[in-house]
C-alpha atoms as a PDB file:
ATOM      1  CA  UNK A   1     100.432 -57.377 -22.491  1.00  0.00           C
ATOM      2  CA  UNK A   2     101.012 -58.339 -18.881  1.00  0.00           C
ATOM      3  CA  UNK A   3     102.843 -61.494 -17.897  1.00  0.00           C
ATOM      4  CA  UNK A   4      99.475 -62.977 -16.984  1.00  0.00           C
ATOM      5  CA  UNK A   5     100.506 -66.607 -17.480  1.00  0.00           C
ATOM      6  CA  UNK A   6     103.226 -66.436 -14.834  1.00  0.00           C
ATOM      7  CA  UNK A   7     100.953 -64.634 -12.320  1.00  0.00           C
ATOM      8  CA  UNK A   8      97.874 -66.744 -12.895  1.00  0.00           C
ATOM      9  CA  UNK A   9      99.735 -70.036 -13.058  1.00  0.00           C
ATOM     10  CA  UNK A  10     101.316 -69.380  -9.655  1.00  0.00           C
ATOM     11  CA  UNK A  11      97.880 -68.674  -8.260  1.00  0.00           C
ATOM     12  CA  UNK A  12      96.274 -71.769  -9.717  1.00  0.00           C
ATOM     13  CA  UNK A  13      99.237 -73.984  -8.758  1.00  0.00           C
ATOM     14  CA  UNK A  14      98.537 -73.017  -5.142  1.00  0.00           C
ATOM     15  CA  UNK A  15      94.769 -73.518  -5.522  1.00  0.00           C
ATOM     16  CA  UNK A  16      94.898 -76.993  -7.058  1.00  0.00           C
ATOM     17  CA  UNK A  17      95.797 -79.080  -3.968  1.00  0.00           C
ATOM     18  CA  UNK A  18      93.420 -76.986  -1.840  1.00  0.00           C
ATOM     19  CA  UNK A  19      90.579 -77.657  -4.266  1.00  0.00           C
ATOM     20  CA  UNK A  20      91.367 -81.359  -4.529  1.00  0.00           C
ATOM     21  CA  UNK A  21      91.142 -81.649  -0.747  1.00  0.00           C
ATOM     22  CA  UNK A  22      87.960 -79.545  -0.432  1.00  0.00           C
ATOM     23  CA  UNK A  23      84.394 -80.883   0.036  1.00  0.00           C
ATOM     24  CA  UNK A  24      83.315 -78.651  -2.853  1.00  0.00           C
ATOM     25  CA  UNK A  25      85.091 -80.699  -5.424  1.00  0.00           C
ATOM     26  CA  UNK A  26      84.202 -84.002  -3.711  1.00  0.00           C
ATOM     27  CA  UNK A  27      87.048 -86.021  -5.193  1.00  0.00           C
ATOM     28  CA  UNK A  28      86.510 -88.886  -2.745  1.00  0.00           C
ATOM     29  CA  UNK A  29      82.941 -89.241  -4.065  1.00  0.00           C
ATOM     30  CA  UNK A  30      84.340 -90.044  -7.513  1.00  0.00           C
ATOM     31  CA  UNK A  31      86.409 -92.815  -5.951  1.00  0.00           C
ATOM     32  CA  UNK A  32      83.625 -94.250  -3.818  1.00  0.00           C
ATOM     33  CA  UNK A  33      80.855 -94.045  -6.453  1.00  0.00           C
ATOM     34  CA  UNK A  34      81.671 -94.942 -10.114  1.00  0.00           C
ATOM     35  CA  UNK A  35      78.521 -93.111 -11.320  1.00  0.00           C
ATOM     36  CA  UNK A  36      79.190 -89.840  -9.466  1.00  0.00           C
ATOM     37  CA  UNK A  37      79.240 -86.722 -11.624  1.00  0.00           C
ATOM     38  CA  UNK A  38      80.371 -83.248 -10.794  1.00  0.00           C
ATOM     39  CA  UNK A  39      77.655 -80.690 -10.022  1.00  0.00           C
ATOM     40  CA  UNK A  40      78.724 -78.657 -13.041  1.00  0.00           C
ATOM     41  CA  UNK A  41      78.300 -81.592 -15.482  1.00  0.00           C
ATOM     42  CA  UNK A  42      75.034 -82.674 -13.833  1.00  0.00           C
ATOM     43  CA  UNK A  43      73.663 -79.218 -14.634  1.00  0.00           C
ATOM     44  CA  UNK A  44      75.021 -79.430 -18.145  1.00  0.00           C
ATOM     45  CA  UNK A  45      73.495 -82.809 -18.933  1.00  0.00           C
ATOM     46  CA  UNK A  46      70.108 -81.444 -20.001  1.00  0.00           C
ATOM     47  CA  UNK A  47      71.699 -79.448 -22.839  1.00  0.00           C
ATOM     48  CA  UNK A  48      74.743 -81.608 -23.412  1.00  0.00           C
ATOM     49  CA  UNK A  49      72.730 -84.643 -24.526  1.00  0.00           C
ATOM     50  CA  UNK A  50      74.305 -87.942 -25.545  1.00  0.00           C
ATOM     51  CA  UNK A  51      78.061 -87.717 -25.882  1.00  0.00           C
ATOM     52  CA  UNK A  52      78.813 -91.456 -25.773  1.00  0.00           C
ATOM     53  CA  UNK A  53      81.531 -92.447 -28.226  1.00  0.00           C
ATOM     54  CA  UNK A  54      82.650 -88.894 -28.878  1.00  0.00           C
ATOM     55  CA  UNK A  55      86.295 -87.915 -28.722  1.00  0.00           C
ATOM     56  CA  UNK A  56      86.382 -84.847 -26.536  1.00  0.00           C
ATOM     57  CA  UNK A  57      88.825 -82.310 -25.111  1.00  0.00           C
ATOM     58  CA  UNK A  58      88.156 -80.320 -21.951  1.00  0.00           C
ATOM     59  CA  UNK A  59      90.004 -76.989 -22.210  1.00  0.00           C
ATOM     60  CA  UNK A  60      91.089 -75.375 -18.896  1.00  0.00           C
ATOM     61  CA  UNK A  61      90.232 -78.609 -17.097  1.00  0.00           C
ATOM     62  CA  UNK A  62      91.694 -77.713 -13.675  1.00  0.00           C
ATOM     63  CA  UNK A  63      91.813 -80.831 -11.423  1.00  0.00           C
ATOM     64  CA  UNK A  64      89.796 -82.984 -13.812  1.00  0.00           C
ATOM     65  CA  UNK A  65      86.480 -83.573 -11.951  1.00  0.00           C
ATOM     66  CA  UNK A  66      84.420 -82.345 -14.934  1.00  0.00           C
ATOM     67  CA  UNK A  67      86.697 -84.172 -17.374  1.00  0.00           C
ATOM     68  CA  UNK A  68      86.124 -87.392 -15.531  1.00  0.00           C
ATOM     69  CA  UNK A  69      82.369 -86.772 -15.395  1.00  0.00           C
ATOM     70  CA  UNK A  70      82.234 -86.357 -19.173  1.00  0.00           C
ATOM     71  CA  UNK A  71      84.146 -89.622 -19.533  1.00  0.00           C
ATOM     72  CA  UNK A  72      81.550 -91.276 -17.305  1.00  0.00           C
ATOM     73  CA  UNK A  73      78.988 -90.121 -19.776  1.00  0.00           C
ATOM     74  CA  UNK A  74      80.767 -92.194 -22.409  1.00  0.00           C
ATOM     75  CA  UNK A  75      83.135 -89.705 -24.103  1.00  0.00           C
ATOM     76  CA  UNK A  76      86.818 -90.464 -24.710  1.00  0.00           C
ATOM     77  CA  UNK A  77      88.259 -87.456 -22.914  1.00  0.00           C
ATOM     78  CA  UNK A  78      91.453 -85.456 -22.863  1.00  0.00           C
ATOM     79  CA  UNK A  79      91.958 -82.579 -20.418  1.00  0.00           C
ATOM     80  CA  UNK A  80      94.243 -79.622 -20.889  1.00  0.00           C
ATOM     81  CA  UNK A  81      95.374 -77.029 -18.348  1.00  0.00           C
ATOM     82  CA  UNK A  82      98.323 -74.634 -17.943  1.00  0.00           C
ATOM     83  CA  UNK A  83      98.753 -75.417 -14.216  1.00  0.00           C
ATOM     84  CA  UNK A  84     101.195 -78.207 -13.507  1.00  0.00           C
ATOM     85  CA  UNK A  85      99.752 -78.702 -10.083  1.00  0.00           C
ATOM     86  CA  UNK A  86      96.201 -78.962 -11.513  1.00  0.00           C
ATOM     87  CA  UNK A  87      97.354 -81.600 -13.986  1.00  0.00           C
ATOM     88  CA  UNK A  88      99.052 -83.521 -11.170  1.00  0.00           C
ATOM     89  CA  UNK A  89      95.805 -83.614  -9.214  1.00  0.00           C
ATOM     90  CA  UNK A  90      93.788 -84.563 -12.323  1.00  0.00           C
ATOM     91  CA  UNK A  91      96.098 -87.475 -13.090  1.00  0.00           C
ATOM     92  CA  UNK A  92      95.912 -88.566  -9.409  1.00  0.00           C
ATOM     93  CA  UNK A  93      92.098 -88.594  -9.625  1.00  0.00           C
ATOM     94  CA  UNK A  94      92.174 -90.641 -12.786  1.00  0.00           C
ATOM     95  CA  UNK A  95      94.479 -93.199 -11.150  1.00  0.00           C
ATOM     96  CA  UNK A  96      92.349 -93.395  -8.020  1.00  0.00           C
ATOM     97  CA  UNK A  97      89.171 -93.993 -10.047  1.00  0.00           C
ATOM     98  CA  UNK A  98      90.782 -96.243 -12.695  1.00  0.00           C
ATOM     99  CA  UNK A  99      89.629 -93.904 -15.421  1.00  0.00           C
ATOM    100  CA  UNK A 100      91.331 -93.937 -18.856  1.00  0.00           C
ATOM    101  CA  UNK A 101      91.963 -90.178 -19.221  1.00  0.00           C
ATOM    102  CA  UNK A 102      94.685 -88.199 -20.944  1.00  0.00           C
ATOM    103  CA  UNK A 103      95.850 -84.950 -19.283  1.00  0.00           C
ATOM    104  CA  UNK A 104      98.120 -82.478 -21.035  1.00  0.00           C
ATOM    105  CA  UNK A 105      99.873 -79.491 -19.468  1.00  0.00           C
ATOM    106  CA  UNK A 106      99.835 -76.494 -21.855  1.00  0.00           C
ATOM    107  CA  UNK A 107      98.568 -72.955 -22.176  1.00  0.00           C
ATOM    108  CA  UNK A 108      95.141 -72.753 -23.781  1.00  0.00           C
ATOM    109  CA  UNK A 109      96.476 -70.859 -26.842  1.00  0.00           C
ATOM    110  CA  UNK A 110      99.012 -73.664 -27.476  1.00  0.00           C
ATOM    111  CA  UNK A 111      96.363 -76.430 -27.418  1.00  0.00           C
ATOM    112  CA  UNK A 112      96.391 -76.884 -31.236  1.00  0.00           C
ATOM    113  CA  UNK A 113     100.203 -77.283 -31.060  1.00  0.00           C
ATOM    114  CA  UNK A 114     100.229 -80.081 -28.474  1.00  0.00           C
ATOM    115  CA  UNK A 115      96.984 -81.852 -29.497  1.00  0.00           C
ATOM    116  CA  UNK A 116      96.073 -83.209 -32.959  1.00  0.00           C
ATOM    117  CA  UNK A 117      94.264 -80.666 -35.023  1.00  0.00           C
ATOM    118  CA  UNK A 118      90.745 -81.307 -36.347  1.00  0.00           C
ATOM    119  CA  UNK A 119      90.544 -84.558 -34.387  1.00  0.00           C
ATOM    120  CA  UNK A 120      87.884 -83.879 -31.739  1.00  0.00           C
ATOM    121  CA  UNK A 121      84.099 -84.312 -31.909  1.00  0.00           C
ATOM    122  CA  UNK A 122      83.592 -82.214 -28.832  1.00  0.00           C
ATOM    123  CA  UNK A 123      85.387 -79.209 -27.230  1.00  0.00           C
ATOM    124  CA  UNK A 124      84.055 -78.651 -23.743  1.00  0.00           C
ATOM    125  CA  UNK A 125      84.875 -75.609 -21.593  1.00  0.00           C
ATOM    126  CA  UNK A 126      83.484 -75.458 -18.016  1.00  0.00           C
ATOM    127  CA  UNK A 127      82.340 -72.482 -16.052  1.00  0.00           C
ATOM    128  CA  UNK A 128      84.824 -69.835 -14.817  1.00  0.00           C
ATOM    129  CA  UNK A 129      87.389 -70.296 -17.608  1.00  0.00           C
ATOM    130  CA  UNK A 130      87.171 -67.508 -20.242  1.00  0.00           C
ATOM    131  CA  UNK A 131      87.870 -64.740 -17.787  1.00  0.00           C
ATOM    132  CA  UNK A 132      91.544 -65.922 -17.500  1.00  0.00           C
ATOM    133  CA  UNK A 133      92.132 -65.401 -21.218  1.00  0.00           C
ATOM    134  CA  UNK A 134      93.089 -61.932 -22.615  1.00  0.00           C
ATOM    135  CA  UNK A 135      91.863 -62.481 -26.175  1.00  0.00           C
ATOM    136  CA  UNK A 136      88.643 -64.201 -27.111  1.00  0.00           C
ATOM    137  CA  UNK A 137      89.473 -64.326 -30.822  1.00  0.00           C
ATOM    138  CA  UNK A 138      92.505 -66.498 -30.144  1.00  0.00           C
ATOM    139  CA  UNK A 139      90.341 -68.798 -28.019  1.00  0.00           C
ATOM    140  CA  UNK A 140      87.807 -69.185 -30.829  1.00  0.00           C
ATOM    141  CA  UNK A 141      90.626 -69.941 -33.293  1.00  0.00           C
ATOM    142  CA  UNK A 142      91.934 -72.606 -30.947  1.00  0.00           C
ATOM    143  CA  UNK A 143      88.518 -74.233 -30.586  1.00  0.00           C
ATOM    144  CA  UNK A 144      87.972 -74.304 -34.321  1.00  0.00           C
ATOM    145  CA  UNK A 145      91.474 -75.747 -34.886  1.00  0.00           C
ATOM    146  CA  UNK A 146      90.794 -78.698 -32.613  1.00  0.00           C
ATOM    147  CA  UNK A 147      87.351 -79.631 -33.862  1.00  0.00           C
ATOM    148  CA  UNK A 148      86.639 -81.926 -36.793  1.00  0.00           C
ATOM    149  CA  UNK A 149      84.371 -80.491 -39.439  1.00  0.00           C
ATOM    150  CA  UNK A 150      80.916 -80.927 -37.935  1.00  0.00           C
ATOM    151  CA  UNK A 151      82.419 -81.125 -34.415  1.00  0.00           C
ATOM    152  CA  UNK A 152      80.776 -79.387 -31.548  1.00  0.00           C
ATOM    153  CA  UNK A 153      81.655 -76.742 -28.919  1.00  0.00           C
ATOM    154  CA  UNK A 154      79.867 -76.787 -25.558  1.00  0.00           C
ATOM    155  CA  UNK A 155      80.539 -74.077 -22.966  1.00  0.00           C
ATOM    156  CA  UNK A 156      78.758 -72.907 -19.914  1.00  0.00           C
ATOM    157  CA  UNK A 157      80.240 -69.745 -18.485  1.00  0.00           C
ATOM    158  CA  UNK A 158      79.577 -66.895 -16.079  1.00  0.00           C
ATOM    159  CA  UNK A 159      77.668 -64.129 -17.880  1.00  0.00           C
ATOM    160  CA  UNK A 160      79.706 -61.068 -18.926  1.00  0.00           C
ATOM    161  CA  UNK A 161      77.121 -58.829 -17.357  1.00  0.00           C
ATOM    162  CA  UNK A 162      77.681 -60.525 -14.054  1.00  0.00           C
ATOM    163  CA  UNK A 163      81.474 -60.078 -14.396  1.00  0.00           C
ATOM    164  CA  UNK A 164      80.983 -56.334 -14.857  1.00  0.00           C
ATOM    165  CA  UNK A 165      79.351 -55.971 -11.457  1.00  0.00           C
ATOM    166  CA  UNK A 166      81.041 -54.929  -8.225  1.00  0.00           C
ATOM    167  CA  UNK A 167      80.737 -58.068  -6.083  1.00  0.00           C
ATOM    168  CA  UNK A 168      81.533 -56.167  -2.887  1.00  0.00           C
ATOM    169  CA  UNK A 169      78.224 -54.236  -3.064  1.00  0.00           C
ATOM    170  CA  UNK A 170      75.726 -56.217  -1.069  1.00  0.00           C
ATOM    171  CA  UNK A 171      72.876 -53.737  -1.280  1.00  0.00           C
ATOM    172  CA  UNK A 172      72.305 -53.474  -5.023  1.00  0.00           C
ATOM    173  CA  UNK A 173      73.594 -54.479  -8.440  1.00  0.00           C
ATOM    174  CA  UNK A 174      76.279 -51.953  -9.537  1.00  0.00           C
ATOM    175  CA  UNK A 175      78.022 -52.093 -12.903  1.00  0.00           C
ATOM    176  CA  UNK A 176      81.571 -50.951 -12.283  1.00  0.00           C
ATOM    177  CA  UNK A 177      83.937 -53.032 -14.408  1.00  0.00           C
ATOM    178  CA  UNK A 178      84.278 -53.461 -18.232  1.00  0.00           C
ATOM    179  CA  UNK A 179      81.751 -55.486 -20.094  1.00  0.00           C
ATOM    180  CA  UNK A 180      83.792 -55.463 -23.343  1.00  0.00           C
ATOM    181  CA  UNK A 181      87.203 -57.008 -23.770  1.00  0.00           C
ATOM    182  CA  UNK A 182      90.017 -54.543 -23.032  1.00  0.00           C
ATOM    183  CA  UNK A 183      93.789 -54.943 -23.373  1.00  0.00           C
ATOM    184  CA  UNK A 184      94.366 -53.942 -19.745  1.00  0.00           C
ATOM    185  CA  UNK A 185      93.549 -56.738 -17.290  1.00  0.00           C
ATOM    186  CA  UNK A 186      91.441 -56.551 -14.171  1.00  0.00           C
ATOM    187  CA  UNK A 187      94.017 -56.975 -11.425  1.00  0.00           C
ATOM    188  CA  UNK A 188      93.050 -59.019  -8.412  1.00  0.00           C
ATOM    189  CA  UNK A 189      94.904 -59.340  -5.135  1.00  0.00           C
ATOM    190  CA  UNK A 190      93.314 -61.912  -2.838  1.00  0.00           C
ATOM    191  CA  UNK A 191      94.721 -64.608  -0.604  1.00  0.00           C
ATOM    192  CA  UNK A 192      91.499 -66.588  -0.640  1.00  0.00           C
ATOM    193  CA  UNK A 193      90.140 -69.202  -3.030  1.00  0.00           C
ATOM    194  CA  UNK A 194      86.535 -70.050  -3.590  1.00  0.00           C
ATOM    195  CA  UNK A 195      86.607 -73.282  -1.520  1.00  0.00           C
ATOM    196  CA  UNK A 196      86.493 -73.718   2.268  1.00  0.00           C
ATOM    197  CA  UNK A 197      90.059 -73.747   3.467  1.00  0.00           C
ATOM    198  CA  UNK A 198      92.082 -72.122   6.202  1.00  0.00           C
ATOM    199  CA  UNK A 199      95.188 -71.907   3.992  1.00  0.00           C
ATOM    200  CA  UNK A 200      95.936 -68.419   2.672  1.00  0.00           C
ATOM    201  CA  UNK A 201      97.372 -68.179  -0.804  1.00  0.00           C
ATOM    202  CA  UNK A 202     100.845 -66.625  -1.221  1.00  0.00           C
ATOM    203  CA  UNK A 203     100.532 -65.937  -4.951  1.00  0.00           C
ATOM    204  CA  UNK A 204      97.766 -63.479  -4.558  1.00  0.00           C
ATOM    205  CA  UNK A 205      97.977 -61.407  -7.747  1.00  0.00           C
ATOM    206  CA  UNK A 206      95.827 -62.409 -10.749  1.00  0.00           C
ATOM    207  CA  UNK A 207      94.943 -60.902 -14.120  1.00  0.00           C
ATOM    208  CA  UNK A 208      91.513 -61.377 -15.657  1.00  0.00           C
ATOM    209  CA  UNK A 209      89.449 -60.093 -18.577  1.00  0.00           C
ATOM    210  CA  UNK A 210      85.820 -59.891 -19.442  1.00  0.00           C
ATOM    211  CA  UNK A 211      84.444 -60.677 -22.939  1.00  0.00           C
ATOM    212  CA  UNK A 212      81.083 -59.456 -24.138  1.00  0.00           C
ATOM    213  CA  UNK A 213      78.560 -61.923 -25.479  1.00  0.00           C
ATOM    214  CA  UNK A 214      78.705 -60.343 -28.929  1.00  0.00           C
ATOM    215  CA  UNK A 215      82.524 -60.552 -28.947  1.00  0.00           C
ATOM    216  CA  UNK A 216      82.392 -64.300 -28.123  1.00  0.00           C
ATOM    217  CA  UNK A 217      79.803 -65.107 -30.783  1.00  0.00           C
ATOM    218  CA  UNK A 218      81.473 -62.953 -33.403  1.00  0.00           C
ATOM    219  CA  UNK A 219      84.852 -64.582 -32.749  1.00  0.00           C
ATOM    220  CA  UNK A 220      83.335 -68.068 -33.191  1.00  0.00           C
ATOM    221  CA  UNK A 221      81.581 -67.066 -36.446  1.00  0.00           C
ATOM    222  CA  UNK A 222      84.841 -65.600 -37.788  1.00  0.00           C
ATOM    223  CA  UNK A 223      86.556 -68.951 -37.321  1.00  0.00           C
ATOM    224  CA  UNK A 224      84.076 -71.087 -39.167  1.00  0.00           C
ATOM    225  CA  UNK A 225      81.754 -71.952 -36.359  1.00  0.00           C
ATOM    226  CA  UNK A 226      77.969 -71.939 -36.505  1.00  0.00           C
ATOM    227  CA  UNK A 227      75.959 -71.037 -33.408  1.00  0.00           C
ATOM    228  CA  UNK A 228      73.500 -73.839 -32.585  1.00  0.00           C
ATOM    229  CA  UNK A 229      72.310 -72.793 -29.148  1.00  0.00           C
ATOM    230  CA  UNK A 230      72.384 -70.031 -26.579  1.00  0.00           C
ATOM    231  CA  UNK A 231      70.605 -70.249 -23.247  1.00  0.00           C
ATOM    232  CA  UNK A 232      70.953 -67.677 -20.432  1.00  0.00           C
ATOM    233  CA  UNK A 233      70.505 -68.938 -16.885  1.00  0.00           C
ATOM    234  CA  UNK A 234      69.475 -67.288 -13.621  1.00  0.00           C
ATOM    235  CA  UNK A 235      71.936 -69.412 -11.646  1.00  0.00           C
ATOM    236  CA  UNK A 236      75.541 -70.458 -11.376  1.00  0.00           C
ATOM    237  CA  UNK A 237      77.531 -72.792  -9.165  1.00  0.00           C
ATOM    238  CA  UNK A 238      79.278 -70.311  -6.925  1.00  0.00           C
ATOM    239  CA  UNK A 239      78.272 -67.347  -4.737  1.00  0.00           C
ATOM    240  CA  UNK A 240      79.252 -64.622  -7.136  1.00  0.00           C
ATOM    241  CA  UNK A 241      77.431 -61.797  -5.249  1.00  0.00           C
ATOM    242  CA  UNK A 242      77.832 -62.415  -1.491  1.00  0.00           C
ATOM    243  CA  UNK A 243      74.940 -61.226   0.562  1.00  0.00           C
ATOM    244  CA  UNK A 244      72.541 -61.237  -2.405  1.00  0.00           C
ATOM    245  CA  UNK A 245      72.295 -64.927  -3.201  1.00  0.00           C
ATOM    246  CA  UNK A 246      71.139 -68.228  -1.750  1.00  0.00           C
ATOM    247  CA  UNK A 247      71.999 -71.810  -2.678  1.00  0.00           C
ATOM    248  CA  UNK A 248      69.214 -74.061  -3.849  1.00  0.00           C
ATOM    249  CA  UNK A 249      68.799 -77.822  -3.530  1.00  0.00           C
ATOM    250  CA  UNK A 250      70.378 -78.294  -6.920  1.00  0.00           C
ATOM    251  CA  UNK A 251      73.643 -76.701  -5.726  1.00  0.00           C
ATOM    252  CA  UNK A 252      73.186 -73.597  -7.873  1.00  0.00           C
ATOM    253  CA  UNK A 253      73.245 -70.016  -6.461  1.00  0.00           C
ATOM    254  CA  UNK A 254      70.470 -67.588  -7.432  1.00  0.00           C
ATOM    255  CA  UNK A 255      69.597 -64.035  -6.539  1.00  0.00           C
ATOM    256  CA  UNK A 256      67.412 -63.675  -3.449  1.00  0.00           C
ATOM    257  CA  UNK A 257      65.390 -60.867  -4.982  1.00  0.00           C
ATOM    258  CA  UNK A 258      64.000 -60.397  -8.479  1.00  0.00           C
ATOM    259  CA  UNK A 259      65.924 -63.057 -10.332  1.00  0.00           C
ATOM    260  CA  UNK A 260      64.677 -61.631 -13.629  1.00  0.00           C
ATOM    261  CA  UNK A 261      67.075 -58.668 -13.212  1.00  0.00           C
ATOM    262  CA  UNK A 262      70.265 -60.452 -14.170  1.00  0.00           C
ATOM    263  CA  UNK A 263      71.565 -63.369 -16.212  1.00  0.00           C
ATOM    264  CA  UNK A 264      74.187 -65.149 -14.082  1.00  0.00           C
ATOM    265  CA  UNK A 265      75.471 -67.713 -16.607  1.00  0.00           C
ATOM    266  CA  UNK A 266      74.896 -68.954 -20.133  1.00  0.00           C
ATOM    267  CA  UNK A 267      75.310 -72.094 -22.185  1.00  0.00           C
ATOM    268  CA  UNK A 268      76.615 -71.582 -25.689  1.00  0.00           C
ATOM    269  CA  UNK A 269      76.844 -74.324 -28.301  1.00  0.00           C
ATOM    270  CA  UNK A 270      78.348 -74.158 -31.762  1.00  0.00           C
ATOM    271  CA  UNK A 271      79.399 -76.491 -34.502  1.00  0.00           C
ATOM    272  CA  UNK A 272      82.285 -76.292 -36.951  1.00  0.00           C
ATOM    273  CA  UNK A 273      81.050 -75.871 -40.480  1.00  0.00           C
ATOM    274  CA  UNK A 274      81.673 -78.958 -42.660  1.00  0.00           C
ATOM    275  CA  UNK A 275      83.950 -78.510 -45.623  1.00  0.00           C
END
């Protein structure tokens, strides 16, 4: 196994302050408007439903904008991320907005060691998270360990079919990368992030993995979870296929041509079986 944590953490530590300062994350809007929600959580609301009074944990929370948004919907939220710089930015945002949030720095797979087991009503994972994990079964085990019996998982994620495409091809959809989880990572080398910034990253190497839909669902079932919902979407909140997509008024990116060809993201919900 590659030393993916060291590589990816260095990359995300550089990204965190750039993201916090970018218009895309709109951190000042959270300060100026106490009802402002992130675009990601606004999209999720239709399926998320009422979470008021729930004790929730946001895994791979990054700079905390989605965590704060969930808290503004009434949940008692904790955020966890492996990037110290991301946690610093998340705590800064909480202070600036006066939000009562708890942020913990830890690797995803260590979450059940640093947070109380079987104590959360909700485990939330935002979009663009699972690809940074090498083993989906360990992720599912972690989720189940954190949830109370009857507790709920909510995740919206980029679709594994999307992640198997060559994003550099602007003329057609070309499957080139693994759909199924493999031990070997997909190695990236890019000095850019996905926000508007003139700063080039120095820690350019990253390791990522794809996980097939069946692998994700099977892993959750194996760890005592029951699937309660699966919706595939024709949109996602970033331009995953440059030259083939346009951004709509809701902030979501969709294919310009024949949207029925490709699922771009999905929302998966599951509950932990009661004892």
